[in-house]
Amino acid sequence: MGTVFSFDVRGGEPGAVRAALRAAVAGLHRVDELFSTYRADSEVSRLARGELTVQRCDPLVAEVLELGAEAERVSDGWFSLRHRGRLDPTGVVKGWAAERAARLVAAAAGVSGVSVNGGGDVQLLGVPGAERQWRVGVSDPLRPGGLAAVVSAAGAPELAVATSGTAERGAHIVDPRTGRAAVTDLVAVTVVAPRLVWADCWATAAFAMGAREGLAWLEALSGVEALLITAGDEVRCTAGLAGLLG
């Protein structure tokens, strides 16, 4: 997937944790084999060329496409499974894969908490220890090395943090309505939600919308909070975000 995944596992029977980590890493490699748009032999590439049907693909392909279709529906098309007219579920895959890996490891015997970071997007499950909570730093896109905020899981059994923007990869987010790079007043959108698959999709969609429309849309989503930073260094937040900072 062109990025680095890291695992932080707390508690658990050592043998069970090692086995779960091996399975999770193998699962990530399998996801890359299925969904990479850079590999001509991946099932998604073959599906896009019409060489396969969804029914003949691995069941995981249908699962991801269903999630992407739901993201398109909820975002009124601002999130898309297509890039320049071609099938491309990349916007779903990384968050979904990281969340899936986290849940697999969290199910290992005795594990109390898991954090999986996939290229800066994080899925948190459980707790890191007694009287402790997971905390995630949100990078400041206008001040390299600085933090714009610190999100605390605050006792939530699961929490995800995902950011979309131009700081790391430039103007890579596409406006589905034009097929070209999204031109907005934003440099970053960070979304906090229980599940990483949705946090990642919503951050991408909101960035394409722009600050005003994106913030209003995110405010209307249940269980979602967000931090938006404009190119003019203006910070906009959903009403409930303050309760997750610390």
Protein backbone atom coordinates (compact mmCIF):
# COMPACT_ATOMS: atom_id res chain seq x y z
CA MET A 1 0.00 0.00 0.00
CA GLY A 2 3.04 2.22 -0.29
CA THR A 3 3.19 3.06 3.40
CA VAL A 4 4.35 1.75 6.80
CA PHE A 5 2.14 -0.03 9.33
CA SER A 6 3.07 -0.22 13.00
CA PHE A 7 1.49 -2.14 15.90
CA ASP A 8 1.42 -1.31 19.61
CA VAL A 9 -0.03 -4.23 21.57
CA ARG A 10 -0.63 -4.17 25.34
CA GLY A 11 -1.08 -7.30 27.40
CA GLY A 12 -1.82 -10.72 25.99
CA GLU A 13 -0.29 -14.19 26.05
CA PRO A 14 3.03 -13.82 24.18
CA GLY A 15 2.55 -16.81 21.89
CA ALA A 16 -0.97 -15.77 21.00
CA VAL A 17 0.13 -12.19 20.32
CA ARG A 18 2.98 -13.32 18.04
CA ALA A 19 0.61 -15.56 16.10
CA ALA A 20 -1.94 -12.77 15.77
CA LEU A 21 0.69 -10.31 14.56
CA ARG A 22 1.92 -12.79 11.95
CA ALA A 23 -1.67 -13.28 10.75
CA ALA A 24 -2.29 -9.52 10.68
CA VAL A 25 0.85 -8.80 8.67
CA ALA A 26 0.06 -11.63 6.26
CA GLY A 27 -3.42 -10.15 5.90
CA LEU A 28 -1.97 -6.74 5.00
CA HIS A 29 0.19 -8.29 2.31
CA ARG A 30 -2.86 -10.15 0.97
CA VAL A 31 -4.79 -6.88 0.84
CA ASP A 32 -1.96 -5.32 -1.16
CA GLU A 33 -2.04 -8.26 -3.59
CA LEU A 34 -5.78 -7.86 -4.08
CA PHE A 35 -6.17 -4.09 -4.21
CA SER A 36 -2.95 -2.52 -5.49
CA THR A 37 -3.67 -0.32 -8.50
CA TYR A 38 0.06 -0.42 -9.32
CA ARG A 39 0.07 -4.18 -9.86
CA ALA A 40 -1.31 -5.35 -13.19
CA ASP A 41 -2.09 -8.77 -11.69
CA SER A 42 -4.09 -7.53 -8.68
CA GLU A 43 -7.76 -8.48 -8.67
CA VAL A 44 -8.79 -4.82 -8.61
CA SER A 45 -6.67 -4.09 -11.69
CA ARG A 46 -8.10 -7.11 -13.49
CA LEU A 47 -11.61 -6.12 -12.41
CA ALA A 48 -11.08 -2.60 -13.78
CA ARG A 49 -9.97 -4.07 -17.12
CA GLY A 50 -13.05 -6.29 -17.27
CA GLU A 51 -11.07 -9.52 -16.94
CA LEU A 52 -12.88 -10.49 -13.72
CA THR A 53 -16.33 -10.02 -12.26
CA VAL A 54 -16.85 -9.14 -8.60
CA GLN A 55 -18.35 -12.59 -8.09
CA ARG A 56 -15.11 -14.22 -9.24
CA CYS A 57 -12.94 -12.05 -7.00
CA ASP A 58 -11.90 -12.76 -3.43
CA PRO A 59 -14.87 -11.96 -1.10
CA LEU A 60 -12.79 -9.14 0.41
CA VAL A 61 -13.12 -7.23 -2.86
CA ALA A 62 -16.90 -7.22 -2.64
CA GLU A 63 -16.68 -6.15 1.00
CA VAL A 64 -14.51 -3.14 0.17
CA LEU A 65 -16.64 -2.14 -2.81
CA GLU A 66 -19.76 -2.23 -0.62
CA LEU A 67 -18.06 0.02 1.94
CA GLY A 68 -17.03 2.40 -0.82
CA ALA A 69 -20.55 2.50 -2.21
CA GLU A 70 -21.85 3.38 1.26
CA ALA A 71 -19.25 6.15 1.56
CA GLU A 72 -20.35 7.52 -1.81
CA ARG A 73 -23.97 7.51 -0.67
CA VAL A 74 -23.37 9.18 2.69
CA SER A 75 -21.10 11.84 1.17
CA ASP A 76 -23.44 12.53 -1.76
CA GLY A 77 -20.69 11.58 -4.17
CA TRP A 78 -17.85 13.60 -2.65
CA PHE A 79 -16.14 10.31 -1.89
CA SER A 80 -15.66 8.13 -4.96
CA LEU A 81 -14.51 4.63 -5.85
CA ARG A 82 -13.25 5.87 -9.19
CA HIS A 83 -10.20 7.88 -10.24
CA ARG A 84 -10.25 9.48 -13.68
CA GLY A 85 -13.05 7.16 -14.69
CA ARG A 86 -11.30 3.98 -13.55
CA LEU A 87 -12.20 1.76 -10.59
CA ASP A 88 -9.92 2.69 -7.68
CA PRO A 89 -10.96 1.77 -4.12
CA THR A 90 -7.69 3.09 -2.66
CA GLY A 91 -9.55 5.63 -0.54
CA VAL A 92 -11.25 2.81 1.37
CA VAL A 93 -8.54 0.18 1.51
CA LYS A 94 -5.89 1.60 3.85
CA GLY A 95 -8.25 2.55 6.69
CA TRP A 96 -10.23 -0.67 6.32
CA ALA A 97 -7.06 -2.79 6.28
CA ALA A 98 -5.57 -1.12 9.36
CA GLU A 99 -8.83 -1.47 11.27
CA ARG A 100 -9.13 -5.11 10.22
CA ALA A 101 -5.57 -5.83 11.39
CA ALA A 102 -6.22 -4.11 14.73
CA ARG A 103 -9.34 -6.18 15.39
CA LEU A 104 -7.53 -9.40 14.55
CA VAL A 105 -4.74 -8.69 17.06
CA ALA A 106 -7.18 -7.40 19.71
CA ALA A 107 -8.90 -10.79 19.65
CA ALA A 108 -5.73 -12.57 20.82
CA ALA A 109 -5.90 -14.06 24.31
CA GLY A 110 -5.39 -11.53 27.10
CA VAL A 111 -4.79 -8.45 24.94
CA SER A 112 -6.03 -5.30 26.70
CA GLY A 113 -5.28 -2.75 24.01
CA VAL A 114 -4.10 -2.36 20.44
CA SER A 115 -3.01 0.61 18.37
CA VAL A 116 -2.38 0.18 14.64
CA ASN A 117 -0.91 3.07 12.67
CA GLY A 118 -1.21 2.82 8.90
CA GLY A 119 0.62 5.71 7.28
CA GLY A 120 -0.44 8.16 9.99
CA ASP A 121 -4.04 6.97 10.30
CA VAL A 122 -4.65 5.19 13.59
CA GLN A 123 -7.13 2.63 14.95
CA LEU A 124 -7.26 2.34 18.75
CA LEU A 125 -8.95 -0.53 20.57
CA GLY A 126 -9.14 -1.14 24.32
CA VAL A 127 -6.73 0.61 26.69
CA PRO A 128 -2.92 0.73 26.98
CA GLY A 129 -2.98 0.11 30.73
CA ALA A 130 -4.71 0.71 34.04
CA GLU A 131 -5.71 4.36 34.48
CA ARG A 132 -4.20 5.18 31.07
CA GLN A 133 -5.70 6.17 27.73
CA TRP A 134 -4.46 6.13 24.18
CA ARG A 135 -3.37 9.54 22.87
CA VAL A 136 -2.71 10.47 19.24
CA GLY A 137 -0.85 13.54 18.06
CA VAL A 138 -2.22 15.33 15.00
CA SER A 139 0.54 16.83 12.86
CA ASP A 140 0.41 20.53 12.07
CA PRO A 141 0.45 20.73 8.25
CA LEU A 142 1.80 24.29 8.29
CA ARG A 143 4.55 23.73 10.88
CA PRO A 144 6.58 20.58 10.14
CA GLY A 145 7.40 18.72 13.33
CA GLY A 146 4.67 20.49 15.30
CA LEU A 147 1.33 19.26 16.57
CA ALA A 148 -2.01 20.84 15.80
CA ALA A 149 -3.78 18.84 18.53
CA VAL A 150 -3.61 15.73 20.69
CA VAL A 151 -6.61 13.39 20.65
CA SER A 152 -7.36 11.24 23.70
CA ALA A 153 -9.45 8.07 23.51
CA ALA A 154 -10.97 9.25 26.81
CA GLY A 155 -12.22 5.82 27.84
CA ALA A 156 -13.82 4.96 24.49
CA PRO A 157 -13.48 1.23 23.71
CA GLU A 158 -12.54 2.07 20.12
CA LEU A 159 -11.46 5.26 18.42
CA ALA A 160 -9.86 6.12 15.10
CA VAL A 161 -8.01 9.19 13.86
CA ALA A 162 -7.48 9.84 10.14
CA THR A 163 -6.10 12.84 8.28
CA SER A 164 -6.38 13.83 4.63
CA GLY A 165 -4.47 16.77 3.20
CA THR A 166 -1.68 18.05 1.04
CA ALA A 167 1.21 18.26 3.52
CA GLU A 168 2.66 14.78 2.94
CA ARG A 169 1.67 13.84 -0.62
CA GLY A 170 0.80 17.12 -2.29
CA ALA A 171 -2.44 17.64 -4.21
CA HIS A 172 -3.44 13.97 -4.52
CA ILE A 173 -7.10 14.21 -3.46
CA VAL A 174 -9.45 14.28 -6.45
CA ASP A 175 -12.67 16.23 -6.76
CA PRO A 176 -15.05 13.52 -8.04
CA ARG A 177 -17.15 16.14 -9.79
CA THR A 178 -14.32 17.37 -12.02
CA GLY A 179 -11.95 14.41 -12.07
CA ARG A 180 -9.10 16.77 -11.25
CA ALA A 181 -7.19 17.56 -8.06
CA ALA A 182 -9.48 19.10 -5.44
CA VAL A 183 -8.94 22.85 -5.18
CA THR A 184 -10.15 24.02 -1.78
CA ASP A 185 -9.16 26.38 1.02
CA LEU A 186 -8.02 23.44 3.16
CA VAL A 187 -4.61 21.94 3.83
CA ALA A 188 -5.77 19.20 6.22
CA VAL A 189 -8.85 17.53 7.63
CA THR A 190 -8.55 15.22 10.64
CA VAL A 191 -11.57 13.07 11.51
CA VAL A 192 -12.12 11.22 14.78
CA ALA A 193 -14.65 8.37 14.78
CA PRO A 194 -14.98 4.87 16.24
CA ARG A 195 -13.93 3.10 13.01
CA LEU A 196 -10.93 3.93 10.88
CA VAL A 197 -12.55 2.88 7.62
CA TRP A 198 -15.12 5.67 8.01
CA ALA A 199 -12.77 8.23 9.56
CA ASP A 200 -10.52 7.87 6.51
CA CYS A 201 -13.37 8.13 4.00
CA TRP A 202 -14.96 11.11 5.74
CA ALA A 203 -11.65 13.01 5.93
CA THR A 204 -11.14 12.57 2.19
CA ALA A 205 -14.69 13.61 1.31
CA ALA A 206 -14.64 16.66 3.60
CA PHE A 207 -11.33 17.84 2.15
CA ALA A 208 -12.79 17.75 -1.35
CA MET A 209 -15.81 19.76 -0.14
CA GLY A 210 -13.79 22.62 1.34
CA ALA A 211 -13.87 24.14 4.81
CA ARG A 212 -17.39 25.54 4.97
CA GLU A 213 -19.32 22.70 3.37
CA GLY A 214 -17.04 20.05 4.82
CA LEU A 215 -17.44 21.26 8.39
CA ALA A 216 -21.23 21.48 8.08
CA TRP A 217 -21.39 17.96 6.65
CA LEU A 218 -19.13 16.49 9.34
CA GLU A 219 -21.19 18.18 12.07
CA ALA A 220 -24.24 16.31 10.80
CA LEU A 221 -22.59 12.86 11.03
CA SER A 222 -23.32 10.88 14.19
CA GLY A 223 -20.33 9.98 16.37
CA VAL A 224 -17.88 12.01 14.26
CA GLU A 225 -15.68 14.92 15.30
CA ALA A 226 -13.16 16.79 13.18
CA LEU A 227 -10.41 19.39 12.97
CA LEU A 228 -10.03 21.37 9.73
CA ILE A 229 -7.05 23.60 8.95
CA THR A 230 -7.11 26.11 6.09
CA ALA A 231 -4.25 27.40 3.98
CA GLY A 232 -4.69 30.69 5.84
CA ASP A 233 -3.91 28.95 9.15
CA GLU A 234 -7.51 29.09 10.33
CA VAL A 235 -8.59 26.20 12.54
CA ARG A 236 -12.20 25.01 12.47
CA CYS A 237 -13.59 22.25 14.68
CA THR A 238 -16.81 20.36 15.15
CA ALA A 239 -18.67 21.22 18.35
CA GLY A 240 -17.73 18.05 20.24
CA LEU A 241 -14.05 17.85 19.39
CA ALA A 242 -12.93 19.68 22.55
CA GLY A 243 -14.12 16.74 24.63
CA LEU A 244 -11.62 14.46 22.88
CA LEU A 245 -8.56 16.66 23.23
CA GLY A 246 -6.02 16.26 25.97
